[in-house]
């Protein structure tokens, strides 16, 4: 299964950075998201504008913080 990330159209203020690049505990949100998805066997895919419709997938926004418990419930 793959997780496709939709990028926000504009940077987050006041930092003027992509939400995925914002640091949380000395790591970017993107790194936290990718590591957790991989633990559940989900391949993160970024920078895709055309999301395939013929496969199992999750579509997430790049500014979404999720925990292991939330992801586990979603995947059930």
PDB file of N, CA and C in Angstrom:
ATOM      1  N   UNK A   1       0.845  -1.170   0.000  1.00  0.00           N
ATOM      2  CA  UNK A   1       0.000   0.000   0.000  1.00  0.00           C
ATOM      3  C   UNK A   1       0.892   1.234   0.000  1.00  0.00           C
ATOM      4  N   UNK A   2       0.393   2.293  -0.625  1.00  0.00           N
ATOM      5  CA  UNK A   2       1.135   3.551  -0.685  1.00  0.00           C
ATOM      6  C   UNK A   2       0.318   4.662  -0.049  1.00  0.00           C
ATOM      7  N   UNK A   3       1.025   5.626   0.502  1.00  0.00           N
ATOM      8  CA  UNK A   3       0.402   6.839   1.037  1.00  0.00           C
ATOM      9  C   UNK A   3       0.842   8.001   0.162  1.00  0.00           C
ATOM     10  N   UNK A   4      -0.113   8.643  -0.481  1.00  0.00           N
ATOM     11  CA  UNK A   4       0.177   9.784  -1.336  1.00  0.00           C
ATOM     12  C   UNK A   4      -0.096  11.063  -0.558  1.00  0.00           C
ATOM     13  N   UNK A   5       0.856  11.975  -0.603  1.00  0.00           N
ATOM     14  CA  UNK A   5       0.717  13.234   0.115  1.00  0.00           C
ATOM     15  C   UNK A   5       0.363  14.355  -0.847  1.00  0.00           C
ATOM     16  N   UNK A   6      -0.701  15.067  -0.510  1.00  0.00           N
ATOM     17  CA  UNK A   6      -1.065  16.267  -1.254  1.00  0.00           C
ATOM     18  C   UNK A   6      -0.373  17.447  -0.591  1.00  0.00           C
ATOM     19  N   UNK A   7       0.348  18.204  -1.360  1.00  0.00           N
ATOM     20  CA  UNK A   7       1.059  19.371  -0.820  1.00  0.00           C
ATOM     21  C   UNK A   7       0.111  20.554  -0.690  1.00  0.00           C
ATOM     22  N   UNK A   8       0.305  21.317   0.366  1.00  0.00           N
ATOM     23  CA  UNK A   8      -0.467  22.543   0.524  1.00  0.00           C
ATOM     24  C   UNK A   8      -0.061  23.520  -0.565  1.00  0.00           C
ATOM     25  N   UNK A   9      -1.013  24.300  -1.009  1.00  0.00           N
ATOM     26  CA  UNK A   9      -0.754  25.239  -2.099  1.00  0.00           C
ATOM     27  C   UNK A   9       0.151  26.391  -1.684  1.00  0.00           C
ATOM     28  N   UNK A  10       0.162  26.709  -0.398  1.00  0.00           N
ATOM     29  CA  UNK A  10       0.984  27.826   0.052  1.00  0.00           C
ATOM     30  C   UNK A  10       1.703  27.472   1.345  1.00  0.00           C
ATOM     31  N   UNK A  11       2.782  28.163   1.612  1.00  0.00           N
ATOM     32  CA  UNK A  11       3.554  27.888   2.824  1.00  0.00           C
ATOM     33  C   UNK A  11       2.794  28.305   4.083  1.00  0.00           C
ATOM     34  N   UNK A  12       3.199  27.735   5.197  1.00  0.00           N
ATOM     35  CA  UNK A  12       2.597  28.070   6.485  1.00  0.00           C
ATOM     36  C   UNK A  12       3.205  29.377   6.980  1.00  0.00           C
ATOM     37  N   UNK A  13       2.361  30.255   7.457  1.00  0.00           N
ATOM     38  CA  UNK A  13       2.849  31.481   8.070  1.00  0.00           C
ATOM     39  C   UNK A  13       2.961  31.252   9.567  1.00  0.00           C
ATOM     40  N   UNK A  14       3.823  31.891  10.281  1.00  0.00           N
ATOM     41  CA  UNK A  14       4.719  32.964   9.850  1.00  0.00           C
ATOM     42  C   UNK A  14       6.051  32.447   9.322  1.00  0.00           C
ATOM     43  N   UNK A  15       6.199  31.139   9.166  1.00  0.00           N
ATOM     44  CA  UNK A  15       7.496  30.563   8.818  1.00  0.00           C
ATOM     45  C   UNK A  15       7.792  30.595   7.323  1.00  0.00           C
ATOM     46  N   UNK A  16       6.746  30.667   6.511  1.00  0.00           N
ATOM     47  CA  UNK A  16       6.888  30.665   5.054  1.00  0.00           C
ATOM     48  C   UNK A  16       7.617  29.421   4.553  1.00  0.00           C
ATOM     49  N   UNK A  17       7.322  28.294   5.185  1.00  0.00           N
ATOM     50  CA  UNK A  17       7.883  27.010   4.779  1.00  0.00           C
ATOM     51  C   UNK A  17       6.752  26.045   4.480  1.00  0.00           C
ATOM     52  N   UNK A  18       7.071  25.028   3.733  1.00  0.00           N
ATOM     53  CA  UNK A  18       6.119  23.943   3.512  1.00  0.00           C
ATOM     54  C   UNK A  18       5.820  23.296   4.864  1.00  0.00           C
ATOM     55  N   UNK A  19       4.564  22.956   5.149  1.00  0.00           N
ATOM     56  CA  UNK A  19       4.251  22.299   6.417  1.00  0.00           C
ATOM     57  C   UNK A  19       5.080  21.041   6.643  1.00  0.00           C
ATOM     58  N   UNK A  20       5.344  20.291   5.598  1.00  0.00           N
ATOM     59  CA  UNK A  20       6.099  19.042   5.729  1.00  0.00           C
ATOM     60  C   UNK A  20       7.539  19.282   6.180  1.00  0.00           C
ATOM     61  N   UNK A  21       8.067  20.482   5.937  1.00  0.00           N
ATOM     62  CA  UNK A  21       9.444  20.791   6.305  1.00  0.00           C
ATOM     63  C   UNK A  21       9.582  21.439   7.682  1.00  0.00           C
ATOM     64  N   UNK A  22       8.467  21.740   8.333  1.00  0.00           N
ATOM     65  CA  UNK A  22       8.535  22.375   9.643  1.00  0.00           C
ATOM     66  C   UNK A  22       9.123  21.411  10.664  1.00  0.00           C
ATOM     67  N   UNK A  23      10.042  21.907  11.502  1.00  0.00           N
ATOM     68  CA  UNK A  23      10.673  21.021  12.488  1.00  0.00           C
ATOM     69  C   UNK A  23       9.782  20.748  13.692  1.00  0.00           C
ATOM     70  N   UNK A  24       9.775  19.504  14.101  1.00  0.00           N
ATOM     71  CA  UNK A  24       9.106  19.075  15.324  1.00  0.00           C
ATOM     72  C   UNK A  24      10.110  18.196  16.050  1.00  0.00           C
ATOM     73  N   UNK A  25      10.597  18.676  17.178  1.00  0.00           N
ATOM     74  CA  UNK A  25      11.590  17.901  17.927  1.00  0.00           C
ATOM     75  C   UNK A  25      12.839  17.596  17.132  1.00  0.00           C
ATOM     76  N   UNK A  26      13.373  18.575  16.420  1.00  0.00           N
ATOM     77  CA  UNK A  26      14.605  18.457  15.636  1.00  0.00           C
ATOM     78  C   UNK A  26      14.490  17.558  14.412  1.00  0.00           C
ATOM     79  N   UNK A  27      13.292  17.209  14.024  1.00  0.00           N
ATOM     80  CA  UNK A  27      13.045  16.457  12.780  1.00  0.00           C
ATOM     81  C   UNK A  27      11.884  17.122  12.063  1.00  0.00           C
ATOM     82  N   UNK A  28      11.840  16.979  10.769  1.00  0.00           N
ATOM     83  CA  UNK A  28      10.732  17.570  10.024  1.00  0.00           C
ATOM     84  C   UNK A  28       9.472  16.718  10.187  1.00  0.00           C
ATOM     85  N   UNK A  29       8.336  17.359  10.020  1.00  0.00           N
ATOM     86  CA  UNK A  29       7.062  16.637  10.068  1.00  0.00           C
ATOM     87  C   UNK A  29       7.074  15.510   9.042  1.00  0.00           C
ATOM     88  N   UNK A  30       7.646  15.783   7.874  1.00  0.00           N
ATOM     89  CA  UNK A  30       7.749  14.779   6.806  1.00  0.00           C
ATOM     90  C   UNK A  30       8.493  13.531   7.293  1.00  0.00           C
ATOM     91  N   UNK A  31       9.578  13.709   8.022  1.00  0.00           N
ATOM     92  CA  UNK A  31      10.341  12.566   8.538  1.00  0.00           C
ATOM     93  C   UNK A  31       9.515  11.752   9.535  1.00  0.00           C
ATOM     94  N   UNK A  32       8.800  12.440  10.415  1.00  0.00           N
ATOM     95  CA  UNK A  32       7.936  11.731  11.379  1.00  0.00           C
ATOM     96  C   UNK A  32       6.863  10.928  10.644  1.00  0.00           C
ATOM     97  N   UNK A  33       6.213  11.562   9.663  1.00  0.00           N
ATOM     98  CA  UNK A  33       5.161  10.893   8.903  1.00  0.00           C
ATOM     99  C   UNK A  33       5.711   9.666   8.173  1.00  0.00           C
ATOM    100  N   UNK A  34       6.814   9.848   7.456  1.00  0.00           N
ATOM    101  CA  UNK A  34       7.383   8.767   6.654  1.00  0.00           C
ATOM    102  C   UNK A  34       7.826   7.587   7.514  1.00  0.00           C
ATOM    103  N   UNK A  35       8.484   7.865   8.629  1.00  0.00           N
ATOM    104  CA  UNK A  35       8.948   6.789   9.509  1.00  0.00           C
ATOM    105  C   UNK A  35       7.781   5.960  10.054  1.00  0.00           C
ATOM    106  N   UNK A  36       6.734   6.631  10.486  1.00  0.00           N
ATOM    107  CA  UNK A  36       5.589   5.909  11.038  1.00  0.00           C
ATOM    108  C   UNK A  36       4.880   5.086   9.961  1.00  0.00           C
ATOM    109  N   UNK A  37       4.698   5.653   8.783  1.00  0.00           N
ATOM    110  CA  UNK A  37       4.061   4.905   7.697  1.00  0.00           C
ATOM    111  C   UNK A  37       4.863   3.657   7.351  1.00  0.00           C
ATOM    112  N   UNK A  38       6.170   3.796   7.270  1.00  0.00           N
ATOM    113  CA  UNK A  38       7.018   2.640   6.925  1.00  0.00           C
ATOM    114  C   UNK A  38       6.940   1.535   7.977  1.00  0.00           C
ATOM    115  N   UNK A  39       6.780   1.908   9.245  1.00  0.00           N
ATOM    116  CA  UNK A  39       6.628   0.894  10.302  1.00  0.00           C
ATOM    117  C   UNK A  39       5.399   0.015  10.079  1.00  0.00           C
ATOM    118  N   UNK A  40       4.392   0.585   9.418  1.00  0.00           N
ATOM    119  CA  UNK A  40       3.169  -0.158   9.122  1.00  0.00           C
ATOM    120  C   UNK A  40       3.175  -0.739   7.713  1.00  0.00           C
ATOM    121  N   UNK A  41       4.315  -0.691   7.036  1.00  0.00           N
ATOM    122  CA  UNK A  41       4.435  -1.269   5.709  1.00  0.00           C
ATOM    123  C   UNK A  41       3.807  -0.437   4.612  1.00  0.00           C
ATOM    124  N   UNK A  42       3.650   0.862   4.849  1.00  0.00           N
ATOM    125  CA  UNK A  42       3.065   1.767   3.865  1.00  0.00           C
ATOM    126  C   UNK A  42       4.177   2.627   3.276  1.00  0.00           C
ATOM    127  N   UNK A  43       4.232   2.673   1.958  1.00  0.00           N
ATOM    128  CA  UNK A  43       5.269   3.444   1.275  1.00  0.00           C
ATOM    129  C   UNK A  43       4.802   4.882   1.051  1.00  0.00           C
ATOM    130  N   UNK A  44       5.488   5.861   1.646  1.00  0.00           N
ATOM    131  CA  UNK A  44       5.105   7.253   1.406  1.00  0.00           C
ATOM    132  C   UNK A  44       5.539   7.721   0.017  1.00  0.00           C
ATOM    133  N   UNK A  45       4.660   8.427  -0.671  1.00  0.00           N
ATOM    134  CA  UNK A  45       4.949   8.955  -1.999  1.00  0.00           C
ATOM    135  C   UNK A  45       4.628  10.452  -1.973  1.00  0.00           C
ATOM    136  N   UNK A  46       5.601  11.243  -2.336  1.00  0.00           N
ATOM    137  CA  UNK A  46       5.430  12.700  -2.329  1.00  0.00           C
ATOM    138  C   UNK A  46       5.724  13.261  -3.721  1.00  0.00           C
ATOM    139  N   UNK A  47       5.128  14.398  -3.993  1.00  0.00           N
ATOM    140  CA  UNK A  47       5.404  15.084  -5.247  1.00  0.00           C
ATOM    141  C   UNK A  47       4.663  14.519  -6.437  1.00  0.00           C
ATOM    142  N   UNK A  48       3.632  13.741  -6.195  1.00  0.00           N
ATOM    143  CA  UNK A  48       2.840  13.175  -7.291  1.00  0.00           C
ATOM    144  C   UNK A  48       1.587  14.015  -7.456  1.00  0.00           C
ATOM    145  N   UNK A  49       1.301  14.429  -8.672  1.00  0.00           N
ATOM    146  CA  UNK A  49       0.090  15.220  -8.908  1.00  0.00           C
ATOM    147  C   UNK A  49      -1.074  14.349  -9.359  1.00  0.00           C
ATOM    148  N   UNK A  50      -0.775  13.214  -9.966  1.00  0.00           N
ATOM    149  CA  UNK A  50      -1.820  12.307 -10.436  1.00  0.00           C
ATOM    150  C   UNK A  50      -1.786  11.045  -9.574  1.00  0.00           C
ATOM    151  N   UNK A  51      -2.762  10.893  -8.693  1.00  0.00           N
ATOM    152  CA  UNK A  51      -2.797   9.760  -7.776  1.00  0.00           C
ATOM    153  C   UNK A  51      -3.526   8.600  -8.445  1.00  0.00           C
ATOM    154  N   UNK A  52      -2.872   7.449  -8.581  1.00  0.00           N
ATOM    155  CA  UNK A  52      -3.505   6.298  -9.227  1.00  0.00           C
ATOM    156  C   UNK A  52      -4.769   5.862  -8.492  1.00  0.00           C
ATOM    157  N   UNK A  53      -5.749   5.461  -9.255  1.00  0.00           N
ATOM    158  CA  UNK A  53      -7.026   5.045  -8.682  1.00  0.00           C
ATOM    159  C   UNK A  53      -7.181   3.525  -8.634  1.00  0.00           C
ATOM    160  N   UNK A  54      -6.254   2.785  -9.207  1.00  0.00           N
ATOM    161  CA  UNK A  54      -6.398   1.333  -9.334  1.00  0.00           C
ATOM    162  C   UNK A  54      -5.533   0.557  -8.345  1.00  0.00           C
ATOM    163  N   UNK A  55      -5.293   1.123  -7.168  1.00  0.00           N
ATOM    164  CA  UNK A  55      -4.481   0.438  -6.165  1.00  0.00           C
ATOM    165  C   UNK A  55      -4.949   0.838  -4.772  1.00  0.00           C
ATOM    166  N   UNK A  56      -4.605   0.017  -3.785  1.00  0.00           N
ATOM    167  CA  UNK A  56      -4.880   0.392  -2.404  1.00  0.00           C
ATOM    168  C   UNK A  56      -3.998   1.582  -2.062  1.00  0.00           C
ATOM    169  N   UNK A  57      -4.587   2.600  -1.462  1.00  0.00           N
ATOM    170  CA  UNK A  57      -3.827   3.812  -1.178  1.00  0.00           C
ATOM    171  C   UNK A  57      -4.477   4.592  -0.053  1.00  0.00           C
ATOM    172  N   UNK A  58      -3.682   5.466   0.524  1.00  0.00           N
ATOM    173  CA  UNK A  58      -4.138   6.456   1.487  1.00  0.00           C
ATOM    174  C   UNK A  58      -3.714   7.797   0.915  1.00  0.00           C
ATOM    175  N   UNK A  59      -4.588   8.771   0.973  1.00  0.00           N
ATOM    176  CA  UNK A  59      -4.237  10.116   0.512  1.00  0.00           C
ATOM    177  C   UNK A  59      -4.272  11.030   1.734  1.00  0.00           C
ATOM    178  N   UNK A  60      -3.140  11.680   2.004  1.00  0.00           N
ATOM    179  CA  UNK A  60      -2.989  12.527   3.187  1.00  0.00           C
ATOM    180  C   UNK A  60      -2.501  13.908   2.780  1.00  0.00           C
ATOM    181  N   UNK A  61      -2.809  14.888   3.602  1.00  0.00           N
ATOM    182  CA  UNK A  61      -2.238  16.219   3.410  1.00  0.00           C
ATOM    183  C   UNK A  61      -0.885  16.263   4.100  1.00  0.00           C
ATOM    184  N   UNK A  62       0.020  17.077   3.563  1.00  0.00           N
ATOM    185  CA  UNK A  62       1.379  17.103   4.114  1.00  0.00           C
ATOM    186  C   UNK A  62       1.468  17.850   5.445  1.00  0.00           C
ATOM    187  N   UNK A  63       0.359  18.441   5.904  1.00  0.00           N
ATOM    188  CA  UNK A  63       0.371  19.143   7.187  1.00  0.00           C
ATOM    189  C   UNK A  63      -0.354  18.362   8.290  1.00  0.00           C
ATOM    190  N   UNK A  64      -0.569  17.086   8.054  1.00  0.00           N
ATOM    191  CA  UNK A  64      -1.323  16.251   8.990  1.00  0.00           C
ATOM    192  C   UNK A  64      -0.391  15.530   9.961  1.00  0.00           C
ATOM    193  N   UNK A  65      -0.629  15.742  11.249  1.00  0.00           N
ATOM    194  CA  UNK A  65       0.113  15.021  12.291  1.00  0.00           C
ATOM    195  C   UNK A  65      -0.751  13.843  12.712  1.00  0.00           C
ATOM    196  N   UNK A  66      -0.214  12.645  12.679  1.00  0.00           N
ATOM    197  CA  UNK A  66      -0.965  11.482  13.130  1.00  0.00           C
ATOM    198  C   UNK A  66      -0.081  10.625  14.012  1.00  0.00           C
ATOM    199  N   UNK A  67      -0.730   9.923  14.923  1.00  0.00           N
ATOM    200  CA  UNK A  67      -0.017   9.055  15.855  1.00  0.00           C
ATOM    201  C   UNK A  67      -0.105   7.611  15.390  1.00  0.00           C
ATOM    202  N   UNK A  68       0.657   6.754  16.042  1.00  0.00           N
ATOM    203  CA  UNK A  68       0.624   5.321  15.729  1.00  0.00           C
ATOM    204  C   UNK A  68      -0.781   4.770  15.921  1.00  0.00           C
ATOM    205  N   UNK A  69      -1.446   5.186  16.986  1.00  0.00           N
ATOM    206  CA  UNK A  69      -2.811   4.704  17.269  1.00  0.00           C
ATOM    207  C   UNK A  69      -3.797   5.124  16.172  1.00  0.00           C
ATOM    208  N   UNK A  70      -3.699   6.367  15.746  1.00  0.00           N
ATOM    209  CA  UNK A  70      -4.586   6.853  14.678  1.00  0.00           C
ATOM    210  C   UNK A  70      -4.334   6.110  13.376  1.00  0.00           C
ATOM    211  N   UNK A  71      -3.061   5.935  13.016  1.00  0.00           N
ATOM    212  CA  UNK A  71      -2.731   5.249  11.773  1.00  0.00           C
ATOM    213  C   UNK A  71      -3.179   3.786  11.813  1.00  0.00           C
ATOM    214  N   UNK A  72      -2.988   3.142  12.949  1.00  0.00           N
ATOM    215  CA  UNK A  72      -3.417   1.747  13.099  1.00  0.00           C
ATOM    216  C   UNK A  72      -4.933   1.627  12.900  1.00  0.00           C
ATOM    217  N   UNK A  73      -5.690   2.531  13.474  1.00  0.00           N
ATOM    218  CA  UNK A  73      -7.148   2.522  13.317  1.00  0.00           C
ATOM    219  C   UNK A  73      -7.552   2.780  11.878  1.00  0.00           C
ATOM    220  N   UNK A  74      -6.859   3.704  11.227  1.00  0.00           N
ATOM    221  CA  UNK A  74      -7.146   4.026   9.823  1.00  0.00           C
ATOM    222  C   UNK A  74      -6.904   2.832   8.921  1.00  0.00           C
ATOM    223  N   UNK A  75      -5.831   2.102   9.174  1.00  0.00           N
ATOM    224  CA  UNK A  75      -5.465   0.972   8.318  1.00  0.00           C
ATOM    225  C   UNK A  75      -6.378  -0.246   8.532  1.00  0.00           C
ATOM    226  N   UNK A  76      -7.029  -0.313   9.686  1.00  0.00           N
ATOM    227  CA  UNK A  76      -7.967  -1.429   9.900  1.00  0.00           C
ATOM    228  C   UNK A  76      -9.099  -1.318   8.926  1.00  0.00           C
TER     229      UNK A  76
END
